[in-house]
PDB file of all heavy atoms in Angstrom:
ATOM      1  N   ARG A   1      65.945 -93.476-121.216  1.00  0.00           N
ATOM      2  CA  ARG A   1      66.019 -93.974-122.599  1.00  0.00           C
ATOM      3  C   ARG A   1      66.556 -95.400-122.636  1.00  0.00           C
ATOM      4  O   ARG A   1      66.057 -96.240-123.398  1.00  0.00           O
ATOM      5  CB  ARG A   1      66.914 -93.051-123.437  1.00  0.00           C
ATOM      6  CG  ARG A   1      66.835 -93.326-124.917  1.00  0.00           C
ATOM      7  CD  ARG A   1      65.468 -92.960-125.438  1.00  0.00           C
ATOM      8  NE  ARG A   1      65.345 -93.255-126.851  1.00  0.00           N
ATOM      9  CZ  ARG A   1      64.201 -93.365-127.473  1.00  0.00           C
ATOM     10  NH1 ARG A   1      63.074 -93.178-126.819  1.00  0.00           N
ATOM     11  NH2 ARG A   1      64.155 -93.632-128.749  1.00  0.00           N
ATOM     12  N   ALA A   2      67.569 -95.691-121.838  1.00  0.00           N
ATOM     13  CA  ALA A   2      68.137 -97.045-121.798  1.00  0.00           C
ATOM     14  C   ALA A   2      67.085 -98.059-121.357  1.00  0.00           C
ATOM     15  O   ALA A   2      67.019 -99.169-121.890  1.00  0.00           O
ATOM     16  CB  ALA A   2      69.343 -97.081-120.858  1.00  0.00           C
ATOM     17  N   LYS A   3      66.217 -97.656-120.396  1.00  0.00           N
ATOM     18  CA  LYS A   3      65.149 -98.556-119.934  1.00  0.00           C
ATOM     19  C   LYS A   3      64.073 -98.720-121.003  1.00  0.00           C
ATOM     20  O   LYS A   3      63.598 -99.836-121.260  1.00  0.00           O
ATOM     21  CB  LYS A   3      64.529 -98.026-118.639  1.00  0.00           C
ATOM     22  CG  LYS A   3      65.404 -98.221-117.431  1.00  0.00           C
ATOM     23  CD  LYS A   3      64.751 -97.683-116.172  1.00  0.00           C
ATOM     24  CE  LYS A   3      65.680 -97.855-114.979  1.00  0.00           C
ATOM     25  NZ  LYS A   3      65.160 -97.211-113.773  1.00  0.00           N
ATOM     26  N   GLU A   4      63.673 -97.613-121.628  1.00  0.00           N
ATOM     27  CA  GLU A   4      62.638 -97.668-122.669  1.00  0.00           C
ATOM     28  C   GLU A   4      63.037 -98.584-123.819  1.00  0.00           C
ATOM     29  O   GLU A   4      62.222 -99.335-124.340  1.00  0.00           O
ATOM     30  CB  GLU A   4      62.388 -96.267-123.248  1.00  0.00           C
ATOM     31  CG  GLU A   4      61.628 -95.329-122.349  1.00  0.00           C
ATOM     32  CD  GLU A   4      61.590 -93.897-122.891  1.00  0.00           C
ATOM     33  OE1 GLU A   4      62.232 -93.601-123.913  1.00  0.00           O
ATOM     34  OE2 GLU A   4      60.915 -93.080-122.253  1.00  0.00           O
ATOM     35  N   LYS A   5      64.307 -98.511-124.215  1.00  0.00           N
ATOM     36  CA  LYS A   5      64.787 -99.297-125.356  1.00  0.00           C
ATOM     37  C   LYS A   5      65.360-100.646-124.933  1.00  0.00           C
ATOM     38  O   LYS A   5      65.760-101.436-125.780  1.00  0.00           O
ATOM     39  CB  LYS A   5      65.859 -98.518-126.129  1.00  0.00           C
ATOM     40  CG  LYS A   5      65.372 -97.218-126.749  1.00  0.00           C
ATOM     41  CD  LYS A   5      64.206 -97.406-127.704  1.00  0.00           C
ATOM     42  CE  LYS A   5      64.579 -98.134-128.952  1.00  0.00           C
ATOM     43  NZ  LYS A   5      63.457 -98.233-129.916  1.00  0.00           N
ATOM     44  N   SER A   6      65.419-100.918-123.630  1.00  0.00           N
ATOM     45  CA  SER A   6      66.006-102.159-123.099  1.00  0.00           C
ATOM     46  C   SER A   6      67.414-102.385-123.662  1.00  0.00           C
ATOM     47  O   SER A   6      67.723-103.453-124.200  1.00  0.00           O
ATOM     48  CB  SER A   6      65.109-103.370-123.419  1.00  0.00           C
ATOM     49  OG  SER A   6      63.847-103.206-122.837  1.00  0.00           O
ATOM     50  N   TYR A   7      68.249-101.356-123.533  1.00  0.00           N
ATOM     51  CA  TYR A   7      69.618-101.480-124.042  1.00  0.00           C
ATOM     52  C   TYR A   7      70.316-102.685-123.429  1.00  0.00           C
ATOM     53  O   TYR A   7      70.395-102.797-122.205  1.00  0.00           O
ATOM     54  CB  TYR A   7      70.424-100.230-123.718  1.00  0.00           C
ATOM     55  CG  TYR A   7      70.175 -99.035-124.608  1.00  0.00           C
ATOM     56  CD1 TYR A   7      70.604 -97.782-124.218  1.00  0.00           C
ATOM     57  CD2 TYR A   7      69.538 -99.154-125.841  1.00  0.00           C
ATOM     58  CE1 TYR A   7      70.402 -96.667-125.028  1.00  0.00           C
ATOM     59  CE2 TYR A   7      69.328 -98.059-126.651  1.00  0.00           C
ATOM     60  CZ  TYR A   7      69.761 -96.814-126.242  1.00  0.00           C
ATOM     61  OH  TYR A   7      69.562 -95.721-127.042  1.00  0.00           O
ATOM     62  N   PRO A   8      70.856-103.576-124.258  1.00  0.00           N
ATOM     63  CA  PRO A   8      71.577-104.731-123.727  1.00  0.00           C
ATOM     64  C   PRO A   8      73.050-104.423-123.472  1.00  0.00           C
ATOM     65  O   PRO A   8      73.801-105.292-123.036  1.00  0.00           O
ATOM     66  CB  PRO A   8      71.426-105.762-124.854  1.00  0.00           C
ATOM     67  CG  PRO A   8      71.359-104.938-126.101  1.00  0.00           C
ATOM     68  CD  PRO A   8      70.655-103.661-125.713  1.00  0.00           C
ATOM     69  N   PHE A   9      73.476-103.191-123.780  1.00  0.00           N
ATOM     70  CA  PHE A   9      74.873-102.791-123.631  1.00  0.00           C
ATOM     71  C   PHE A   9      74.959-101.603-122.674  1.00  0.00           C
ATOM     72  O   PHE A   9      73.952-100.966-122.361  1.00  0.00           O
ATOM     73  CB  PHE A   9      75.492-102.413-124.982  1.00  0.00           C
ATOM     74  CG  PHE A   9      74.507-101.897-125.988  1.00  0.00           C
ATOM     75  CD1 PHE A   9      73.788-100.720-125.776  1.00  0.00           C
ATOM     76  CD2 PHE A   9      74.260-102.602-127.150  1.00  0.00           C
ATOM     77  CE1 PHE A   9      72.872-100.257-126.698  1.00  0.00           C
ATOM     78  CE2 PHE A   9      73.340-102.150-128.088  1.00  0.00           C
ATOM     79  CZ  PHE A   9      72.647-100.977-127.859  1.00  0.00           C
ATOM     80  N   ALA A  10      76.165-101.298-122.236  1.00  0.00           N
ATOM     81  CA  ALA A  10      76.389-100.157-121.352  1.00  0.00           C
ATOM     82  C   ALA A  10      76.094 -98.859-122.104  1.00  0.00           C
ATOM     83  O   ALA A  10      76.341 -98.744-123.309  1.00  0.00           O
ATOM     84  CB  ALA A  10      77.836-100.167-120.858  1.00  0.00           C
ATOM     85  N   TYR A  11      75.551 -97.880-121.377  1.00  0.00           N
ATOM     86  CA  TYR A  11      75.286 -96.548-121.927  1.00  0.00           C
ATOM     87  C   TYR A  11      76.068 -95.580-121.053  1.00  0.00           C
ATOM     88  O   TYR A  11      75.705 -95.337-119.893  1.00  0.00           O
ATOM     89  CB  TYR A  11      73.786 -96.266-121.897  1.00  0.00           C
ATOM     90  CG  TYR A  11      73.331 -95.045-122.679  1.00  0.00           C
ATOM     91  CD1 TYR A  11      74.118 -94.464-123.672  1.00  0.00           C
ATOM     92  CD2 TYR A  11      72.092 -94.473-122.423  1.00  0.00           C
ATOM     93  CE1 TYR A  11      73.678 -93.358-124.379  1.00  0.00           C
ATOM     94  CE2 TYR A  11      71.636 -93.376-123.137  1.00  0.00           C
ATOM     95  CZ  TYR A  11      72.442 -92.814-124.103  1.00  0.00           C
ATOM     96  OH  TYR A  11      72.000 -91.713-124.809  1.00  0.00           O
ATOM     97  N   LEU A  12      77.152 -95.046-121.597  1.00  0.00           N
ATOM     98  CA  LEU A  12      78.128 -94.292-120.826  1.00  0.00           C
ATOM     99  C   LEU A  12      77.979 -92.790-121.018  1.00  0.00           C
ATOM    100  O   LEU A  12      77.694 -92.323-122.125  1.00  0.00           O
ATOM    101  CB  LEU A  12      79.546 -94.708-121.217  1.00  0.00           C
ATOM    102  CG  LEU A  12      79.830 -96.215-121.250  1.00  0.00           C
ATOM    103  CD1 LEU A  12      81.271 -96.476-121.667  1.00  0.00           C
ATOM    104  CD2 LEU A  12      79.531 -96.859-119.903  1.00  0.00           C
ATOM    105  N   SER A  13      78.215 -92.043-119.950  1.00  0.00           N
ATOM    106  CA  SER A  13      78.140 -90.585-119.987  1.00  0.00           C
ATOM    107  C   SER A  13      79.546 -89.988-120.124  1.00  0.00           C
ATOM    108  O   SER A  13      80.442 -90.296-119.339  1.00  0.00           O
ATOM    109  CB  SER A  13      77.491 -90.069-118.694  1.00  0.00           C
ATOM    110  OG  SER A  13      77.508 -88.659-118.670  1.00  0.00           O
ATOM    111  N   ASP A  14      79.707 -89.126-121.131  1.00  0.00           N
ATOM    112  CA  ASP A  14      80.985 -88.454-121.413  1.00  0.00           C
ATOM    113  C   ASP A  14      80.730 -86.955-121.563  1.00  0.00           C
ATOM    114  O   ASP A  14      81.088 -86.341-122.559  1.00  0.00           O
ATOM    115  CB  ASP A  14      81.602 -89.045-122.696  1.00  0.00           C
ATOM    116  CG  ASP A  14      82.940 -88.432-123.076  1.00  0.00           C
ATOM    117  OD1 ASP A  14      83.713 -88.053-122.177  1.00  0.00           O
ATOM    118  OD2 ASP A  14      83.213 -88.325-124.287  1.00  0.00           O
ATOM    119  N   LYS A  15      80.073 -86.360-120.556  1.00  0.00           N
ATOM    120  CA  LYS A  15      79.592 -84.986-120.705  1.00  0.00           C
ATOM    121  C   LYS A  15      80.699 -83.944-120.848  1.00  0.00           C
ATOM    122  O   LYS A  15      80.450 -82.853-121.335  1.00  0.00           O
ATOM    123  CB  LYS A  15      78.637 -84.614-119.575  1.00  0.00           C
ATOM    124  CG  LYS A  15      79.220 -84.666-118.193  1.00  0.00           C
ATOM    125  CD  LYS A  15      78.137 -84.434-117.161  1.00  0.00           C
ATOM    126  CE  LYS A  15      78.666 -84.635-115.757  1.00  0.00           C
ATOM    127  NZ  LYS A  15      77.603 -84.568-114.773  1.00  0.00           N
ATOM    128  N   ASP A  16      81.937 -84.280-120.482  1.00  0.00           N
ATOM    129  CA  ASP A  16      83.038 -83.325-120.708  1.00  0.00           C
ATOM    130  C   ASP A  16      83.755 -83.591-122.040  1.00  0.00           C
ATOM    131  O   ASP A  16      84.733 -82.932-122.360  1.00  0.00           O
ATOM    132  CB  ASP A  16      84.029 -83.330-119.544  1.00  0.00           C
ATOM    133  CG  ASP A  16      84.804 -84.634-119.414  1.00  0.00           C
ATOM    134  OD1 ASP A  16      84.566 -85.582-120.203  1.00  0.00           O
ATOM    135  OD2 ASP A  16      85.666 -84.717-118.515  1.00  0.00           O
ATOM    136  N   GLN A  17      83.264 -84.551-122.793  1.00  0.00           N
ATOM    137  CA  GLN A  17      83.791 -84.925-124.116  1.00  0.00           C
ATOM    138  C   GLN A  17      85.236 -85.410-124.084  1.00  0.00           C
ATOM    139  O   GLN A  17      85.914 -85.429-125.111  1.00  0.00           O
ATOM    140  CB  GLN A  17      83.676 -83.783-125.142  1.00  0.00           C
ATOM    141  CG  GLN A  17      82.278 -83.412-125.533  1.00  0.00           C
ATOM    142  CD  GLN A  17      81.727 -82.332-124.641  1.00  0.00           C
ATOM    143  OE1 GLN A  17      82.390 -81.349-124.369  1.00  0.00           O
ATOM    144  NE2 GLN A  17      80.509 -82.503-124.190  1.00  0.00           N
ATOM    145  N   SER A  18      85.754 -85.831-122.943  1.00  0.00           N
ATOM    146  CA  SER A  18      87.147 -86.275-122.877  1.00  0.00           C
ATOM    147  C   SER A  18      87.384 -87.518-123.735  1.00  0.00           C
ATOM    148  O   SER A  18      88.402 -87.622-124.417  1.00  0.00           O
ATOM    149  CB  SER A  18      87.565 -86.541-121.425  1.00  0.00           C
ATOM    150  OG  SER A  18      86.737 -87.533-120.843  1.00  0.00           O
ATOM    151  N   VAL A  19      86.441 -88.450-123.718  1.00  0.00           N
ATOM    152  CA  VAL A  19      86.611 -89.666-124.520  1.00  0.00           C
ATOM    153  C   VAL A  19      86.299 -89.381-125.988  1.00  0.00           C
ATOM    154  O   VAL A  19      86.982 -89.887-126.876  1.00  0.00           O
ATOM    155  CB  VAL A  19      85.751 -90.823-123.958  1.00  0.00           C
ATOM    156  CG1 VAL A  19      85.822 -92.047-124.842  1.00  0.00           C
ATOM    157  CG2 VAL A  19      86.226 -91.163-122.545  1.00  0.00           C
ATOM    158  N   ALA A  20      85.308 -88.550-126.265  1.00  0.00           N
ATOM    159  CA  ALA A  20      85.020 -88.164-127.652  1.00  0.00           C
ATOM    160  C   ALA A  20      86.256 -87.528-128.294  1.00  0.00           C
ATOM    161  O   ALA A  20      86.584 -87.815-129.454  1.00  0.00           O
ATOM    162  CB  ALA A  20      83.835 -87.214-127.710  1.00  0.00           C
ATOM    163  N   LYS A  21      86.964 -86.697-127.534  1.00  0.00           N
ATOM    164  CA  LYS A  21      88.185 -86.065-128.047  1.00  0.00           C
ATOM    165  C   LYS A  21      89.277 -87.099-128.270  1.00  0.00           C
ATOM    166  O   LYS A  21      90.035 -87.019-129.235  1.00  0.00           O
ATOM    167  CB  LYS A  21      88.653 -84.967-127.093  1.00  0.00           C
ATOM    168  CG  LYS A  21      87.742 -83.761-127.095  1.00  0.00           C
ATOM    169  CD  LYS A  21      88.110 -82.761-126.015  1.00  0.00           C
ATOM    170  CE  LYS A  21      87.075 -81.654-125.958  1.00  0.00           C
ATOM    171  NZ  LYS A  21      87.195 -80.815-124.769  1.00  0.00           N
ATOM    172  N   LEU A  22      89.363 -88.064-127.380  1.00  0.00           N
ATOM    173  CA  LEU A  22      90.342 -89.143-127.514  1.00  0.00           C
ATOM    174  C   LEU A  22      90.153 -89.888-128.839  1.00  0.00           C
ATOM    175  O   LEU A  22      91.113 -90.223-129.524  1.00  0.00           O
ATOM    176  CB  LEU A  22      90.181 -90.096-126.330  1.00  0.00           C
ATOM    177  CG  LEU A  22      91.217 -91.168-126.074  1.00  0.00           C
ATOM    178  CD1 LEU A  22      92.563 -90.559-125.726  1.00  0.00           C
ATOM    179  CD2 LEU A  22      90.739 -92.067-124.943  1.00  0.00           C
ATOM    180  N   PHE A  23      88.902 -90.106-129.195  1.00  0.00           N
ATOM    181  CA  PHE A  23      88.573 -90.812-130.436  1.00  0.00           C
ATOM    182  C   PHE A  23      88.524 -89.885-131.645  1.00  0.00           C
ATOM    183  O   PHE A  23      88.451 -90.355-132.773  1.00  0.00           O
ATOM    184  CB  PHE A  23      87.214 -91.496-130.299  1.00  0.00           C
ATOM    185  CG  PHE A  23      87.233 -92.800-129.569  1.00  0.00           C
ATOM    186  CD1 PHE A  23      87.305 -92.844-128.185  1.00  0.00           C
ATOM    187  CD2 PHE A  23      87.154 -93.999-130.261  1.00  0.00           C
ATOM    188  CE1 PHE A  23      87.310 -94.052-127.510  1.00  0.00           C
ATOM    189  CE2 PHE A  23      87.154 -95.210-129.600  1.00  0.00           C
ATOM    190  CZ  PHE A  23      87.234 -95.235-128.213  1.00  0.00           C
ATOM    191  N   ASP A  24      88.485 -88.592-131.417  1.00  0.00           N
ATOM    192  CA  ASP A  24      88.254 -87.597-132.459  1.00  0.00           C
ATOM    193  C   ASP A  24      86.853 -87.770-133.066  1.00  0.00           C
ATOM    194  O   ASP A  24      86.645 -87.592-134.262  1.00  0.00           O
ATOM    195  CB  ASP A  24      89.332 -87.659-133.551  1.00  0.00           C
ATOM    196  CG  ASP A  24      89.383 -86.382-134.385  1.00  0.00           C
ATOM    197  OD1 ASP A  24      88.951 -85.327-133.884  1.00  0.00           O
ATOM    198  OD2 ASP A  24      89.812 -86.447-135.549  1.00  0.00           O
ATOM    199  N   ALA A  25      85.899 -88.131-132.205  1.00  0.00           N
ATOM    200  CA  ALA A  25      84.506 -88.255-132.633  1.00  0.00           C
ATOM    201  C   ALA A  25      83.913 -86.863-132.779  1.00  0.00           C
ATOM    202  O   ALA A  25      84.194 -85.977-131.971  1.00  0.00           O
ATOM    203  CB  ALA A  25      83.705 -89.067-131.613  1.00  0.00           C
ATOM    204  N   ARG A  26      83.083 -86.676-133.804  1.00  0.00           N
ATOM    205  CA  ARG A  26      82.495 -85.355-134.066  1.00  0.00           C
ATOM    206  C   ARG A  26      80.974 -85.372-134.102  1.00  0.00           C
ATOM    207  O   ARG A  26      80.344 -84.346-133.962  1.00  0.00           O
ATOM    208  CB  ARG A  26      82.988 -84.839-135.411  1.00  0.00           C
ATOM    209  CG  ARG A  26      84.463 -84.974-135.615  1.00  0.00           C
ATOM    210  CD  ARG A  26      85.144 -83.710-135.633  1.00  0.00           C
ATOM    211  NE  ARG A  26      86.581 -83.987-135.616  1.00  0.00           N
ATOM    212  CZ  ARG A  26      87.464 -83.072-135.707  1.00  0.00           C
ATOM    213  NH1 ARG A  26      87.100 -81.840-135.810  1.00  0.00           N
ATOM    214  NH2 ARG A  26      88.732 -83.362-135.678  1.00  0.00           N
ATOM    215  N   LYS A  27      80.406 -86.551-134.359  1.00  0.00           N
ATOM    216  CA  LYS A  27      78.958 -86.610-134.574  1.00  0.00           C
ATOM    217  C   LYS A  27      78.315 -87.712-133.754  1.00  0.00           C
ATOM    218  O   LYS A  27      78.976 -88.625-133.268  1.00  0.00           O
ATOM    219  CB  LYS A  27      78.663 -86.851-136.057  1.00  0.00           C
ATOM    220  CG  LYS A  27      79.063 -85.686-136.926  1.00  0.00           C
ATOM    221  CD  LYS A  27      78.438 -85.787-138.291  1.00  0.00           C
ATOM    222  CE  LYS A  27      78.740 -84.526-139.073  1.00  0.00           C
ATOM    223  NZ  LYS A  27      78.212 -84.586-140.414  1.00  0.00           N
ATOM    224  N   THR A  28      76.985 -87.602-133.651  1.00  0.00           N
ATOM    225  CA  THR A  28      76.187 -88.707-133.124  1.00  0.00           C
ATOM    226  C   THR A  28      75.136 -89.026-134.184  1.00  0.00           C
ATOM    227  O   THR A  28      74.489 -88.104-134.683  1.00  0.00           O
ATOM    228  CB  THR A  28      75.503 -88.327-131.791  1.00  0.00           C
ATOM    229  OG1 THR A  28      74.629 -87.211-131.977  1.00  0.00           O
ATOM    230  CG2 THR A  28      76.531 -88.000-130.728  1.00  0.00           C
ATOM    231  N   PRO A  29      75.038 -90.284-134.607  1.00  0.00           N
ATOM    232  CA  PRO A  29      75.878 -91.403-134.206  1.00  0.00           C
ATOM    233  C   PRO A  29      77.181 -91.464-135.022  1.00  0.00           C
ATOM    234  O   PRO A  29      77.198 -91.087-136.188  1.00  0.00           O
ATOM    235  CB  PRO A  29      74.999 -92.615-134.530  1.00  0.00           C
ATOM    236  CG  PRO A  29      74.194 -92.187-135.722  1.00  0.00           C
ATOM    237  CD  PRO A  29      73.952 -90.708-135.526  1.00  0.00           C
ATOM    238  N   GLU A  30      78.230 -91.910-134.370  1.00  0.00           N
ATOM    239  CA  GLU A  30      79.509 -92.192-135.033  1.00  0.00           C
ATOM    240  C   GLU A  30      80.073 -93.458-134.402  1.00  0.00           C
ATOM    241  O   GLU A  30      80.191 -93.541-133.178  1.00  0.00           O
ATOM    242  CB  GLU A  30      80.475 -91.026-134.893  1.00  0.00           C
ATOM    243  CG  GLU A  30      81.749 -91.208-135.688  1.00  0.00           C
ATOM    244  CD  GLU A  30      82.598 -89.945-135.789  1.00  0.00           C
ATOM    245  OE1 GLU A  30      82.161 -88.876-135.305  1.00  0.00           O
ATOM    246  OE2 GLU A  30      83.703 -90.035-136.357  1.00  0.00           O
ATOM    247  N   ALA A  31      80.398 -94.430-135.244  1.00  0.00           N
ATOM    248  CA  ALA A  31      80.804 -95.755-134.767  1.00  0.00           C
ATOM    249  C   ALA A  31      82.305 -95.981-134.931  1.00  0.00           C
ATOM    250  O   ALA A  31      82.921 -95.455-135.862  1.00  0.00           O
ATOM    251  CB  ALA A  31      80.037 -96.838-135.534  1.00  0.00           C
ATOM    252  N   PHE A  32      82.837 -96.782-134.040  1.00  0.00           N
ATOM    253  CA  PHE A  32      84.246 -97.181-134.065  1.00  0.00           C
ATOM    254  C   PHE A  32      84.335 -98.671-133.781  1.00  0.00           C
ATOM    255  O   PHE A  32      83.574 -99.192-132.972  1.00  0.00           O
ATOM    256  CB  PHE A  32      85.041 -96.441-132.985  1.00  0.00           C
ATOM    257  CG  PHE A  32      85.135 -94.957-133.204  1.00  0.00           C
ATOM    258  CD1 PHE A  32      84.066 -94.130-132.872  1.00  0.00           C
ATOM    259  CD2 PHE A  32      86.277 -94.388-133.730  1.00  0.00           C
ATOM    260  CE1 PHE A  32      84.141 -92.758-133.072  1.00  0.00           C
ATOM    261  CE2 PHE A  32      86.356 -93.013-133.936  1.00  0.00           C
ATOM    262  CZ  PHE A  32      85.284 -92.202-133.608  1.00  0.00           C
ATOM    263  N   ILE A  33      85.284 -99.323-134.441  1.00  0.00           N
ATOM    264  CA  ILE A  33      85.632-100.701-134.085  1.00  0.00           C
ATOM    265  C   ILE A  33      87.067-100.672-133.583  1.00  0.00           C
ATOM    266  O   ILE A  33      87.959-100.129-134.244  1.00  0.00           O
ATOM    267  CB  ILE A  33      85.509-101.666-135.276  1.00  0.00           C
ATOM    268  CG1 ILE A  33      84.077-101.720-135.784  1.00  0.00           C
ATOM    269  CG2 ILE A  33      85.988-103.071-134.872  1.00  0.00           C
ATOM    270  CD1 ILE A  33      83.899-102.528-137.058  1.00  0.00           C
ATOM    271  N   LEU A  34      87.264-101.270-132.416  1.00  0.00           N
ATOM    272  CA  LEU A  34      88.587-101.352-131.808  1.00  0.00           C
ATOM    273  C   LEU A  34      89.048-102.807-131.801  1.00  0.00           C
ATOM    274  O   LEU A  34      88.258-103.711-131.504  1.00  0.00           O
ATOM    275  CB  LEU A  34      88.554-100.846-130.369  1.00  0.00           C
ATOM    276  CG  LEU A  34      87.931 -99.473-130.126  1.00  0.00           C
ATOM    277  CD1 LEU A  34      87.941 -99.161-128.636  1.00  0.00           C
ATOM    278  CD2 LEU A  34      88.667 -98.407-130.890  1.00  0.00           C
ATOM    279  N   ARG A  35      90.326-103.001-132.109  1.00  0.00           N
ATOM    280  CA  ARG A  35      90.936-104.332-132.006  1.00  0.00           C
ATOM    281  C   ARG A  35      91.978-104.272-130.896  1.00  0.00           C
ATOM    282  O   ARG A  35      92.880-103.439-130.930  1.00  0.00           O
ATOM    283  CB  ARG A  35      91.604-104.722-133.321  1.00  0.00           C
ATOM    284  CG  ARG A  35      92.393-106.034-133.203  1.00  0.00           C
ATOM    285  CD  ARG A  35      93.107-106.367-134.486  1.00  0.00           C
ATOM    286  NE  ARG A  35      92.150-106.995-135.387  1.00  0.00           N
ATOM    287  CZ  ARG A  35      92.196-106.877-136.712  1.00  0.00           C
ATOM    288  NH1 ARG A  35      93.101-106.137-137.295  1.00  0.00           N
ATOM    289  NH2 ARG A  35      91.308-107.501-137.458  1.00  0.00           N
ATOM    290  N   PRO A  36      91.859-105.152-129.889  1.00  0.00           N
ATOM    291  CA  PRO A  36      92.844-105.144-128.806  1.00  0.00           C
ATOM    292  C   PRO A  36      94.243-105.500-129.309  1.00  0.00           C
ATOM    293  O   PRO A  36      94.400-106.299-130.236  1.00  0.00           O
ATOM    294  CB  PRO A  36      92.334-106.236-127.856  1.00  0.00           C
ATOM    295  CG  PRO A  36      90.905-106.443-128.214  1.00  0.00           C
ATOM    296  CD  PRO A  36      90.798-106.140-129.673  1.00  0.00           C
ATOM    297  N   HIS A  37      95.247-104.865-128.716  1.00  0.00           N
ATOM    298  CA  HIS A  37      96.651-105.235-128.948  1.00  0.00           C
ATOM    299  C   HIS A  37      97.393-105.073-127.627  1.00  0.00           C
ATOM    300  O   HIS A  37      96.791-104.703-126.611  1.00  0.00           O
ATOM    301  CB  HIS A  37      97.274-104.413-130.085  1.00  0.00           C
ATOM    302  CG  HIS A  37      97.416-102.956-129.800  1.00  0.00           C
ATOM    303  ND1 HIS A  37      98.515-102.406-129.171  1.00  0.00           N
ATOM    304  CD2 HIS A  37      96.577-101.910-130.042  1.00  0.00           C
ATOM    305  CE1 HIS A  37      98.363-101.094-129.058  1.00  0.00           C
ATOM    306  NE2 HIS A  37      97.192-100.765-129.567  1.00  0.00           N
ATOM    307  N   SER A  38      98.661-105.352-127.598  1.00  0.00           N
ATOM    308  CA  SER A  38      99.405-105.424-126.335  1.00  0.00           C
ATOM    309  C   SER A  38      99.369-104.131-125.526  1.00  0.00           C
ATOM    310  O   SER A  38      99.373-104.167-124.304  1.00  0.00           O
ATOM    311  CB  SER A  38     100.852-105.831-126.599  1.00  0.00           C
ATOM    312  OG  SER A  38     101.468-104.887-127.466  1.00  0.00           O
ATOM    313  N   ALA A  39      99.345-102.977-126.191  1.00  0.00           N
ATOM    314  CA  ALA A  39      99.396-101.701-125.465  1.00  0.00           C
ATOM    315  C   ALA A  39      98.058-100.977-125.422  1.00  0.00           C
ATOM    316  O   ALA A  39      97.993 -99.815-125.033  1.00  0.00           O
ATOM    317  CB  ALA A  39     100.454-100.796-126.094  1.00  0.00           C
ATOM    318  N   GLY A  40      96.999-101.619-125.814  1.00  0.00           N
ATOM    319  CA  GLY A  40      95.692-100.966-125.805  1.00  0.00           C
ATOM    320  C   GLY A  40      94.800-101.480-126.918  1.00  0.00           C
ATOM    321  O   GLY A  40      94.592-102.679-127.058  1.00  0.00           O
ATOM    322  N   PHE A  41      94.295-100.548-127.735  1.00  0.00           N
ATOM    323  CA  PHE A  41      93.352-100.890-128.799  1.00  0.00           C
ATOM    324  C   PHE A  41      93.669-100.051-130.039  1.00  0.00           C
ATOM    325  O   PHE A  41      93.896 -98.852-129.930  1.00  0.00           O
ATOM    326  CB  PHE A  41      91.914-100.584-128.372  1.00  0.00           C
ATOM    327  CG  PHE A  41      91.441-101.379-127.188  1.00  0.00           C
ATOM    328  CD1 PHE A  41      91.784-101.010-125.896  1.00  0.00           C
ATOM    329  CD2 PHE A  41      90.652-102.509-127.358  1.00  0.00           C
ATOM    330  CE1 PHE A  41      91.351-101.727-124.789  1.00  0.00           C
ATOM    331  CE2 PHE A  41      90.208-103.241-126.263  1.00  0.00           C
ATOM    332  CZ  PHE A  41      90.561-102.848-124.989  1.00  0.00           C
ATOM    333  N   HIS A  42      93.651-100.690-131.201  1.00  0.00           N
ATOM    334  CA  HIS A  42      93.753 -99.966-132.467  1.00  0.00           C
ATOM    335  C   HIS A  42      92.347 -99.676-132.982  1.00  0.00           C
ATOM    336  O   HIS A  42      91.478-100.552-132.932  1.00  0.00           O
ATOM    337  CB  HIS A  42      94.459-100.797-133.544  1.00  0.00           C
ATOM    338  CG  HIS A  42      95.929-100.926-133.353  1.00  0.00           C
ATOM    339  ND1 HIS A  42      96.778 -99.866-133.203  1.00  0.00           N
ATOM    340  CD2 HIS A  42      96.711-102.031-133.303  1.00  0.00           C
ATOM    341  CE1 HIS A  42      98.012-100.297-133.063  1.00  0.00           C
ATOM    342  NE2 HIS A  42      98.000-101.610-133.106  1.00  0.00           N
ATOM    343  N   ILE A  43      92.134 -98.471-133.492  1.00  0.00           N
ATOM    344  CA  ILE A  43      90.892 -98.183-134.205  1.00  0.00           C
ATOM    345  C   ILE A  43      91.047 -98.744-135.613  1.00  0.00           C
ATOM    346  O   ILE A  43      91.952 -98.352-136.344  1.00  0.00           O
ATOM    347  CB  ILE A  43      90.605 -96.671-134.262  1.00  0.00           C
ATOM    348  CG1 ILE A  43      90.369 -96.112-132.864  1.00  0.00           C
ATOM    349  CG2 ILE A  43      89.391 -96.393-135.159  1.00  0.00           C
ATOM    350  CD1 ILE A  43      90.176 -94.607-132.807  1.00  0.00           C
ATOM    351  N   VAL A  44      90.170 -99.673-135.983  1.00  0.00           N
ATOM    352  CA  VAL A  44      90.250-100.270-137.324  1.00  0.00           C
ATOM    353  C   VAL A  44      89.113 -99.802-138.231  1.00  0.00           C
ATOM    354  O   VAL A  44      89.141-100.049-139.434  1.00  0.00           O
ATOM    355  CB  VAL A  44      90.308-101.812-137.270  1.00  0.00           C
ATOM    356  CG1 VAL A  44      91.576-102.284-136.564  1.00  0.00           C
ATOM    357  CG2 VAL A  44      89.074-102.403-136.598  1.00  0.00           C
TER     358      VAL A  44
END
């Protein structure tokens, strides 16, 4: 799919949902904007 659509960005696999749980993501598609800060990133 990444090749067919010529994705210009990384396409990451999270098949154990560890990162989805970190974000509390529930759906696809669901978008987040992160702002960097000294200890990581804030979800804005």
